[in-house]
Amino acid sequence: MQDKLILRVVAKWLIPVIILFAFYVQFHGDYSPGGGFQAGVIFSSAFLLYSLVYGLESAIKVLPDHWLKVAACFGVLLYAGVGVVAMLMGGNFLDYSALASEPVAGQHIGIILIELGVGITVGSVMLLIFFTFARRVLPK
């Protein structure tokens, strides 16, 4: 692999900024456009950039497949778990108002947790898809 000094320096600066922006989109999504899906895509793009600059093997060492599979499952379980908890607290499935004593507080808690589950799932599945296709292209 050729030494790509400028790309590596720019990536070292840009990757943390991309991840920070993903967290902003994730946790500001209930107040403005954005949310879990967009944050998951932005978060995974940081690791896609890392993979393109530092190599696929390095990216897989940072985020192994089994961690990504666990994260994808956890995100789906978090999403469904919020709905089940709402049902156990006397509401309908995904009725966020039942999650707290005040309906507005329950709405905020529910939206944040749901969007977090979506973000974790989307980010990890995007990376799993990329790693799967990128491995098929590598020469053996």
N, C-alpha and C. Protein backbone atom coordinates (compact mmCIF):
# COMPACT_ATOMS: atom_id res chain seq x y z
N MET A 1 0.84 -1.18 0.00
CA MET A 1 0.00 0.00 0.00
C MET A 1 0.88 1.24 0.00
N GLN A 2 0.55 2.18 -0.86
CA GLN A 2 1.32 3.41 -0.93
C GLN A 2 1.08 4.25 0.32
N ASP A 3 2.09 5.04 0.64
CA ASP A 3 1.94 5.93 1.79
C ASP A 3 1.15 7.16 1.35
N LYS A 4 -0.03 7.31 1.89
CA LYS A 4 -0.93 8.42 1.55
C LYS A 4 -0.93 9.39 2.73
N LEU A 5 0.15 10.13 2.87
CA LEU A 5 0.33 10.97 4.05
C LEU A 5 -0.76 12.03 4.18
N ILE A 6 -1.07 12.71 3.11
CA ILE A 6 -2.07 13.79 3.19
C ILE A 6 -3.44 13.21 3.52
N LEU A 7 -3.80 12.11 2.88
CA LEU A 7 -5.09 11.50 3.18
C LEU A 7 -5.17 11.03 4.63
N ARG A 8 -4.09 10.47 5.14
CA ARG A 8 -4.09 9.99 6.53
C ARG A 8 -4.21 11.14 7.52
N VAL A 9 -3.54 12.24 7.25
CA VAL A 9 -3.61 13.40 8.14
C VAL A 9 -5.01 14.01 8.11
N VAL A 10 -5.56 14.15 6.93
CA VAL A 10 -6.91 14.71 6.81
C VAL A 10 -7.93 13.78 7.45
N ALA A 11 -7.77 12.47 7.27
CA ALA A 11 -8.71 11.51 7.85
C ALA A 11 -8.63 11.53 9.38
N LYS A 12 -7.43 11.64 9.92
CA LYS A 12 -7.29 11.69 11.39
C LYS A 12 -8.02 12.90 11.96
N TRP A 13 -8.08 13.98 11.22
CA TRP A 13 -8.79 15.16 11.68
C TRP A 13 -10.28 15.06 11.39
N LEU A 14 -10.64 14.48 10.27
CA LEU A 14 -12.02 14.50 9.81
C LEU A 14 -12.89 13.43 10.47
N ILE A 15 -12.35 12.26 10.77
CA ILE A 15 -13.14 11.17 11.34
C ILE A 15 -13.76 11.55 12.68
N PRO A 16 -13.03 12.12 13.62
CA PRO A 16 -13.69 12.53 14.88
C PRO A 16 -14.77 13.59 14.67
N VAL A 17 -14.58 14.47 13.72
CA VAL A 17 -15.59 15.50 13.43
C VAL A 17 -16.85 14.85 12.86
N ILE A 18 -16.68 13.87 12.00
CA ILE A 18 -17.83 13.16 11.43
C ILE A 18 -18.59 12.43 12.53
N ILE A 19 -17.87 11.76 13.43
CA ILE A 19 -18.52 11.04 14.53
C ILE A 19 -19.24 12.01 15.46
N LEU A 20 -18.62 13.14 15.75
CA LEU A 20 -19.27 14.15 16.59
C LEU A 20 -20.53 14.68 15.93
N PHE A 21 -20.49 14.91 14.63
CA PHE A 21 -21.68 15.36 13.91
C PHE A 21 -22.78 14.29 13.94
N ALA A 22 -22.38 13.02 13.85
CA ALA A 22 -23.37 11.94 13.93
C ALA A 22 -24.06 11.94 15.28
N PHE A 23 -23.31 12.15 16.35
CA PHE A 23 -23.93 12.24 17.68
C PHE A 23 -24.86 13.44 17.79
N TYR A 24 -24.47 14.56 17.18
CA TYR A 24 -25.33 15.74 17.18
C TYR A 24 -26.65 15.44 16.46
N VAL A 25 -26.57 14.84 15.29
CA VAL A 25 -27.78 14.51 14.53
C VAL A 25 -28.63 13.51 15.31
N GLN A 26 -27.97 12.56 15.96
CA GLN A 26 -28.69 11.53 16.72
C GLN A 26 -29.49 12.15 17.87
N PHE A 27 -28.85 12.94 18.68
CA PHE A 27 -29.51 13.42 19.90
C PHE A 27 -30.24 14.74 19.73
N HIS A 28 -30.13 15.35 18.57
CA HIS A 28 -30.89 16.56 18.29
C HIS A 28 -32.04 16.26 17.35
N GLY A 29 -32.23 14.99 17.00
CA GLY A 29 -33.22 14.59 16.01
C GLY A 29 -34.65 14.80 16.43
N ASP A 30 -34.93 14.83 17.74
CA ASP A 30 -36.33 15.05 18.14
C ASP A 30 -36.70 16.53 18.15
N TYR A 31 -35.72 17.40 17.97
CA TYR A 31 -36.00 18.84 17.93
C TYR A 31 -35.88 19.42 16.52
N SER A 32 -35.19 18.74 15.64
CA SER A 32 -34.96 19.25 14.29
C SER A 32 -34.87 18.07 13.33
N PRO A 33 -34.76 18.35 12.03
CA PRO A 33 -34.63 17.23 11.09
C PRO A 33 -33.39 16.39 11.41
N GLY A 34 -33.54 15.13 11.24
CA GLY A 34 -32.45 14.21 11.56
C GLY A 34 -32.98 13.13 12.46
N GLY A 35 -32.11 12.36 12.97
CA GLY A 35 -32.50 11.29 13.87
C GLY A 35 -31.65 10.07 13.66
N GLY A 36 -32.21 8.92 13.99
CA GLY A 36 -31.45 7.69 14.03
C GLY A 36 -30.92 7.23 12.69
N PHE A 37 -31.75 7.25 11.65
CA PHE A 37 -31.30 6.76 10.36
C PHE A 37 -30.16 7.61 9.82
N GLN A 38 -30.34 8.91 9.86
CA GLN A 38 -29.32 9.81 9.34
C GLN A 38 -28.04 9.71 10.16
N ALA A 39 -28.18 9.63 11.47
CA ALA A 39 -27.00 9.52 12.33
C ALA A 39 -26.26 8.21 12.09
N GLY A 40 -27.00 7.12 11.89
CA GLY A 40 -26.36 5.85 11.62
C GLY A 40 -25.56 5.86 10.33
N VAL A 41 -26.10 6.50 9.31
CA VAL A 41 -25.40 6.60 8.03
C VAL A 41 -24.16 7.48 8.18
N ILE A 42 -24.28 8.60 8.87
CA ILE A 42 -23.14 9.49 9.07
C ILE A 42 -22.06 8.79 9.89
N PHE A 43 -22.46 8.10 10.95
CA PHE A 43 -21.51 7.38 11.80
C PHE A 43 -20.77 6.31 11.00
N SER A 44 -21.50 5.56 10.20
CA SER A 44 -20.84 4.52 9.41
C SER A 44 -19.93 5.12 8.34
N SER A 45 -20.26 6.30 7.84
CA SER A 45 -19.39 6.92 6.84
C SER A 45 -18.02 7.27 7.41
N ALA A 46 -17.95 7.55 8.70
CA ALA A 46 -16.64 7.80 9.31
C ALA A 46 -15.78 6.54 9.25
N PHE A 47 -16.37 5.39 9.51
CA PHE A 47 -15.60 4.15 9.45
C PHE A 47 -15.35 3.70 8.01
N LEU A 48 -16.23 4.08 7.10
CA LEU A 48 -15.96 3.82 5.69
C LEU A 48 -14.74 4.62 5.23
N LEU A 49 -14.67 5.87 5.65
CA LEU A 49 -13.50 6.69 5.33
C LEU A 49 -12.24 6.09 5.94
N TYR A 50 -12.34 5.64 7.19
CA TYR A 50 -11.21 5.00 7.84
C TYR A 50 -10.76 3.77 7.05
N SER A 51 -11.72 2.99 6.59
CA SER A 51 -11.41 1.78 5.83
C SER A 51 -10.75 2.12 4.49
N LEU A 52 -11.23 3.15 3.84
CA LEU A 52 -10.66 3.53 2.55
C LEU A 52 -9.25 4.09 2.67
N VAL A 53 -8.97 4.78 3.76
CA VAL A 53 -7.66 5.40 3.92
C VAL A 53 -6.65 4.44 4.55
N TYR A 54 -7.05 3.71 5.57
CA TYR A 54 -6.12 2.86 6.31
C TYR A 54 -6.18 1.39 5.92
N GLY A 55 -7.13 1.01 5.11
CA GLY A 55 -7.24 -0.37 4.67
C GLY A 55 -8.35 -1.12 5.37
N LEU A 56 -8.89 -2.09 4.66
CA LEU A 56 -10.00 -2.86 5.19
C LEU A 56 -9.62 -3.66 6.42
N GLU A 57 -8.42 -4.23 6.42
CA GLU A 57 -8.00 -5.04 7.57
C GLU A 57 -7.94 -4.21 8.85
N SER A 58 -7.45 -2.98 8.74
CA SER A 58 -7.39 -2.10 9.92
C SER A 58 -8.78 -1.76 10.43
N ALA A 59 -9.70 -1.51 9.52
CA ALA A 59 -11.06 -1.17 9.92
C ALA A 59 -11.74 -2.36 10.60
N ILE A 60 -11.48 -3.55 10.10
CA ILE A 60 -12.09 -4.74 10.70
C ILE A 60 -11.48 -5.01 12.08
N LYS A 61 -10.22 -4.65 12.28
CA LYS A 61 -9.63 -4.78 13.61
C LYS A 61 -10.27 -3.80 14.60
N VAL A 62 -10.62 -2.61 14.12
CA VAL A 62 -11.26 -1.62 14.99
C VAL A 62 -12.69 -2.04 15.31
N LEU A 63 -13.44 -2.46 14.31
CA LEU A 63 -14.83 -2.89 14.48
C LEU A 63 -15.02 -4.29 13.88
N PRO A 64 -14.76 -5.33 14.66
CA PRO A 64 -14.94 -6.69 14.13
C PRO A 64 -16.41 -6.99 13.81
N ASP A 65 -16.60 -7.96 12.94
CA ASP A 65 -17.95 -8.32 12.50
C ASP A 65 -18.85 -8.73 13.66
N HIS A 66 -18.31 -9.48 14.60
CA HIS A 66 -19.18 -9.94 15.69
C HIS A 66 -19.68 -8.78 16.55
N TRP A 67 -18.90 -7.73 16.70
CA TRP A 67 -19.38 -6.54 17.43
C TRP A 67 -20.49 -5.86 16.65
N LEU A 68 -20.32 -5.79 15.34
CA LEU A 68 -21.34 -5.14 14.52
C LEU A 68 -22.64 -5.94 14.52
N LYS A 69 -22.55 -7.26 14.52
CA LYS A 69 -23.76 -8.09 14.58
C LYS A 69 -24.47 -7.92 15.91
N VAL A 70 -23.68 -7.87 16.99
CA VAL A 70 -24.28 -7.65 18.31
C VAL A 70 -24.94 -6.27 18.37
N ALA A 71 -24.28 -5.26 17.81
CA ALA A 71 -24.84 -3.90 17.81
C ALA A 71 -26.13 -3.84 17.00
N ALA A 72 -26.17 -4.51 15.86
CA ALA A 72 -27.38 -4.51 15.04
C ALA A 72 -28.54 -5.15 15.81
N CYS A 73 -28.26 -6.26 16.46
CA CYS A 73 -29.31 -6.93 17.25
C CYS A 73 -29.73 -6.07 18.44
N PHE A 74 -28.76 -5.43 19.10
CA PHE A 74 -29.08 -4.59 20.24
C PHE A 74 -29.98 -3.42 19.83
N GLY A 75 -29.70 -2.81 18.68
CA GLY A 75 -30.53 -1.70 18.21
C GLY A 75 -31.97 -2.11 17.97
N VAL A 76 -32.16 -3.27 17.35
CA VAL A 76 -33.52 -3.77 17.11
C VAL A 76 -34.21 -4.08 18.44
N LEU A 77 -33.47 -4.70 19.36
CA LEU A 77 -34.05 -5.03 20.66
C LEU A 77 -34.39 -3.77 21.46
N LEU A 78 -33.56 -2.73 21.34
CA LEU A 78 -33.86 -1.47 22.02
C LEU A 78 -35.15 -0.86 21.46
N TYR A 79 -35.29 -0.87 20.15
CA TYR A 79 -36.49 -0.34 19.52
C TYR A 79 -37.73 -1.11 20.00
N ALA A 80 -37.66 -2.42 19.91
CA ALA A 80 -38.81 -3.24 20.32
C ALA A 80 -39.03 -3.18 21.83
N GLY A 81 -37.93 -3.08 22.58
CA GLY A 81 -38.04 -3.02 24.03
C GLY A 81 -38.78 -1.80 24.52
N VAL A 82 -38.60 -0.67 23.85
CA VAL A 82 -39.33 0.54 24.22
C VAL A 82 -40.83 0.31 24.05
N GLY A 83 -41.21 -0.35 22.96
CA GLY A 83 -42.62 -0.64 22.75
C GLY A 83 -43.19 -1.59 23.78
N VAL A 84 -42.41 -2.61 24.14
CA VAL A 84 -42.87 -3.57 25.15
C VAL A 84 -42.99 -2.91 26.51
N VAL A 85 -42.01 -2.09 26.87
CA VAL A 85 -42.08 -1.38 28.15
C VAL A 85 -43.29 -0.46 28.19
N ALA A 86 -43.58 0.20 27.07
CA ALA A 86 -44.77 1.06 27.03
C ALA A 86 -46.03 0.24 27.24
N MET A 87 -46.09 -0.96 26.67
CA MET A 87 -47.25 -1.82 26.88
C MET A 87 -47.35 -2.28 28.33
N LEU A 88 -46.20 -2.60 28.93
CA LEU A 88 -46.20 -3.05 30.32
C LEU A 88 -46.61 -1.94 31.29
N MET A 89 -46.41 -0.69 30.85
CA MET A 89 -46.77 0.44 31.70
C MET A 89 -48.19 0.94 31.41
N GLY A 90 -48.97 0.16 30.66
CA GLY A 90 -50.38 0.49 30.47
C GLY A 90 -50.73 1.18 29.18
N GLY A 91 -49.78 1.42 28.31
CA GLY A 91 -50.08 2.08 27.04
C GLY A 91 -50.11 1.09 25.90
N ASN A 92 -50.19 1.62 24.70
CA ASN A 92 -50.11 0.80 23.50
C ASN A 92 -48.64 0.61 23.13
N PHE A 93 -48.42 -0.29 22.16
CA PHE A 93 -47.05 -0.51 21.68
C PHE A 93 -46.52 0.80 21.10
N LEU A 94 -45.36 1.23 21.58
CA LEU A 94 -44.71 2.48 21.19
C LEU A 94 -45.52 3.72 21.55
N ASP A 95 -46.34 3.64 22.57
CA ASP A 95 -47.03 4.81 23.10
C ASP A 95 -46.11 5.43 24.14
N TYR A 96 -45.33 6.41 23.69
CA TYR A 96 -44.29 6.98 24.54
C TYR A 96 -44.84 7.69 25.77
N SER A 97 -46.06 8.14 25.73
CA SER A 97 -46.64 8.88 26.85
C SER A 97 -46.67 8.04 28.12
N ALA A 98 -46.72 6.72 27.98
CA ALA A 98 -46.79 5.83 29.14
C ALA A 98 -45.43 5.62 29.80
N LEU A 99 -44.37 6.11 29.19
CA LEU A 99 -43.02 5.84 29.71
C LEU A 99 -42.65 6.69 30.92
N ALA A 100 -43.37 7.76 31.19
CA ALA A 100 -43.06 8.63 32.32
C ALA A 100 -44.37 9.14 32.92
N SER A 101 -44.25 9.76 34.08
CA SER A 101 -45.45 10.27 34.75
C SER A 101 -46.08 11.42 33.97
N GLU A 102 -45.26 12.21 33.29
CA GLU A 102 -45.77 13.29 32.44
C GLU A 102 -45.67 12.85 30.98
N PRO A 103 -46.73 13.02 30.21
CA PRO A 103 -46.72 12.56 28.82
C PRO A 103 -45.61 13.19 27.97
N VAL A 104 -45.32 14.47 28.19
CA VAL A 104 -44.29 15.14 27.39
C VAL A 104 -42.91 14.54 27.68
N ALA A 105 -42.64 14.26 28.94
CA ALA A 105 -41.36 13.64 29.31
C ALA A 105 -41.27 12.24 28.72
N GLY A 106 -42.36 11.51 28.75
CA GLY A 106 -42.37 10.18 28.15
C GLY A 106 -42.13 10.22 26.65
N GLN A 107 -42.70 11.25 25.99
CA GLN A 107 -42.47 11.40 24.56
C GLN A 107 -40.99 11.61 24.25
N HIS A 108 -40.34 12.46 25.02
CA HIS A 108 -38.91 12.72 24.79
C HIS A 108 -38.07 11.48 25.05
N ILE A 109 -38.35 10.79 26.13
CA ILE A 109 -37.60 9.57 26.45
C ILE A 109 -37.79 8.53 25.35
N GLY A 110 -39.03 8.34 24.94
CA GLY A 110 -39.33 7.34 23.92
C GLY A 110 -38.68 7.64 22.58
N ILE A 111 -38.76 8.89 22.15
CA ILE A 111 -38.16 9.27 20.86
C ILE A 111 -36.65 9.08 20.90
N ILE A 112 -36.01 9.52 21.98
CA ILE A 112 -34.55 9.38 22.07
C ILE A 112 -34.15 7.91 22.03
N LEU A 113 -34.85 7.06 22.77
CA LEU A 113 -34.49 5.64 22.79
C LEU A 113 -34.77 4.96 21.45
N ILE A 114 -35.90 5.28 20.84
CA ILE A 114 -36.23 4.70 19.54
C ILE A 114 -35.20 5.11 18.49
N GLU A 115 -34.90 6.39 18.44
CA GLU A 115 -33.93 6.88 17.46
C GLU A 115 -32.54 6.32 17.73
N LEU A 116 -32.19 6.11 18.99
CA LEU A 116 -30.89 5.49 19.31
C LEU A 116 -30.85 4.06 18.78
N GLY A 117 -31.93 3.32 18.96
CA GLY A 117 -31.99 1.96 18.42
C GLY A 117 -31.87 1.93 16.91
N VAL A 118 -32.55 2.85 16.25
CA VAL A 118 -32.48 2.93 14.79
C VAL A 118 -31.06 3.30 14.35
N GLY A 119 -30.45 4.26 15.02
CA GLY A 119 -29.10 4.68 14.67
C GLY A 119 -28.07 3.58 14.83
N ILE A 120 -28.15 2.85 15.93
CA ILE A 120 -27.21 1.74 16.15
C ILE A 120 -27.40 0.67 15.09
N THR A 121 -28.64 0.34 14.79
CA THR A 121 -28.91 -0.70 13.80
C THR A 121 -28.46 -0.29 12.41
N VAL A 122 -28.82 0.91 12.00
CA VAL A 122 -28.47 1.37 10.65
C VAL A 122 -26.95 1.47 10.49
N GLY A 123 -26.28 2.05 11.47
CA GLY A 123 -24.83 2.18 11.37
C GLY A 123 -24.12 0.84 11.29
N SER A 124 -24.51 -0.09 12.13
CA SER A 124 -23.83 -1.38 12.13
C SER A 124 -24.17 -2.20 10.89
N VAL A 125 -25.40 -2.14 10.41
CA VAL A 125 -25.76 -2.89 9.21
C VAL A 125 -25.07 -2.29 7.98
N MET A 126 -24.97 -0.98 7.91
CA MET A 126 -24.25 -0.35 6.79
C MET A 126 -22.80 -0.83 6.75
N LEU A 127 -22.16 -0.89 7.91
CA LEU A 127 -20.77 -1.35 7.95
C LEU A 127 -20.65 -2.83 7.63
N LEU A 128 -21.60 -3.63 8.10
CA LEU A 128 -21.57 -5.06 7.76
C LEU A 128 -21.72 -5.26 6.25
N ILE A 129 -22.59 -4.52 5.62
CA ILE A 129 -22.77 -4.63 4.17
C ILE A 129 -21.49 -4.20 3.45
N PHE A 130 -20.91 -3.09 3.88
CA PHE A 130 -19.68 -2.62 3.24
C PHE A 130 -18.56 -3.63 3.41
N PHE A 131 -18.36 -4.14 4.62
CA PHE A 131 -17.29 -5.11 4.85
C PHE A 131 -17.51 -6.38 4.03
N THR A 132 -18.75 -6.81 3.91
CA THR A 132 -19.04 -8.02 3.15
C THR A 132 -18.68 -7.84 1.67
N PHE A 133 -19.09 -6.72 1.09
CA PHE A 133 -18.77 -6.49 -0.31
C PHE A 133 -17.30 -6.17 -0.52
N ALA A 134 -16.67 -5.48 0.40
CA ALA A 134 -15.26 -5.13 0.26
C ALA A 134 -14.37 -6.36 0.33
N ARG A 135 -14.74 -7.34 1.11
CA ARG A 135 -13.95 -8.58 1.19
C ARG A 135 -13.98 -9.34 -0.14
N ARG A 136 -15.04 -9.26 -0.86
CA ARG A 136 -15.14 -9.98 -2.12
C ARG A 136 -14.27 -9.38 -3.20
N VAL A 137 -13.90 -8.12 -3.05
CA VAL A 137 -13.10 -7.43 -4.06
C VAL A 137 -11.61 -7.64 -3.82
N LEU A 138 -11.24 -7.89 -2.56
CA LEU A 138 -9.82 -8.02 -2.24
C LEU A 138 -9.19 -9.19 -2.99
N PRO A 139 -7.99 -8.98 -3.52
CA PRO A 139 -7.30 -10.11 -4.17
C PRO A 139 -6.84 -11.12 -3.14
N LYS A 140 -6.85 -12.38 -3.54
CA LYS A 140 -6.49 -13.44 -2.59
C LYS A 140 -5.06 -13.85 -2.72
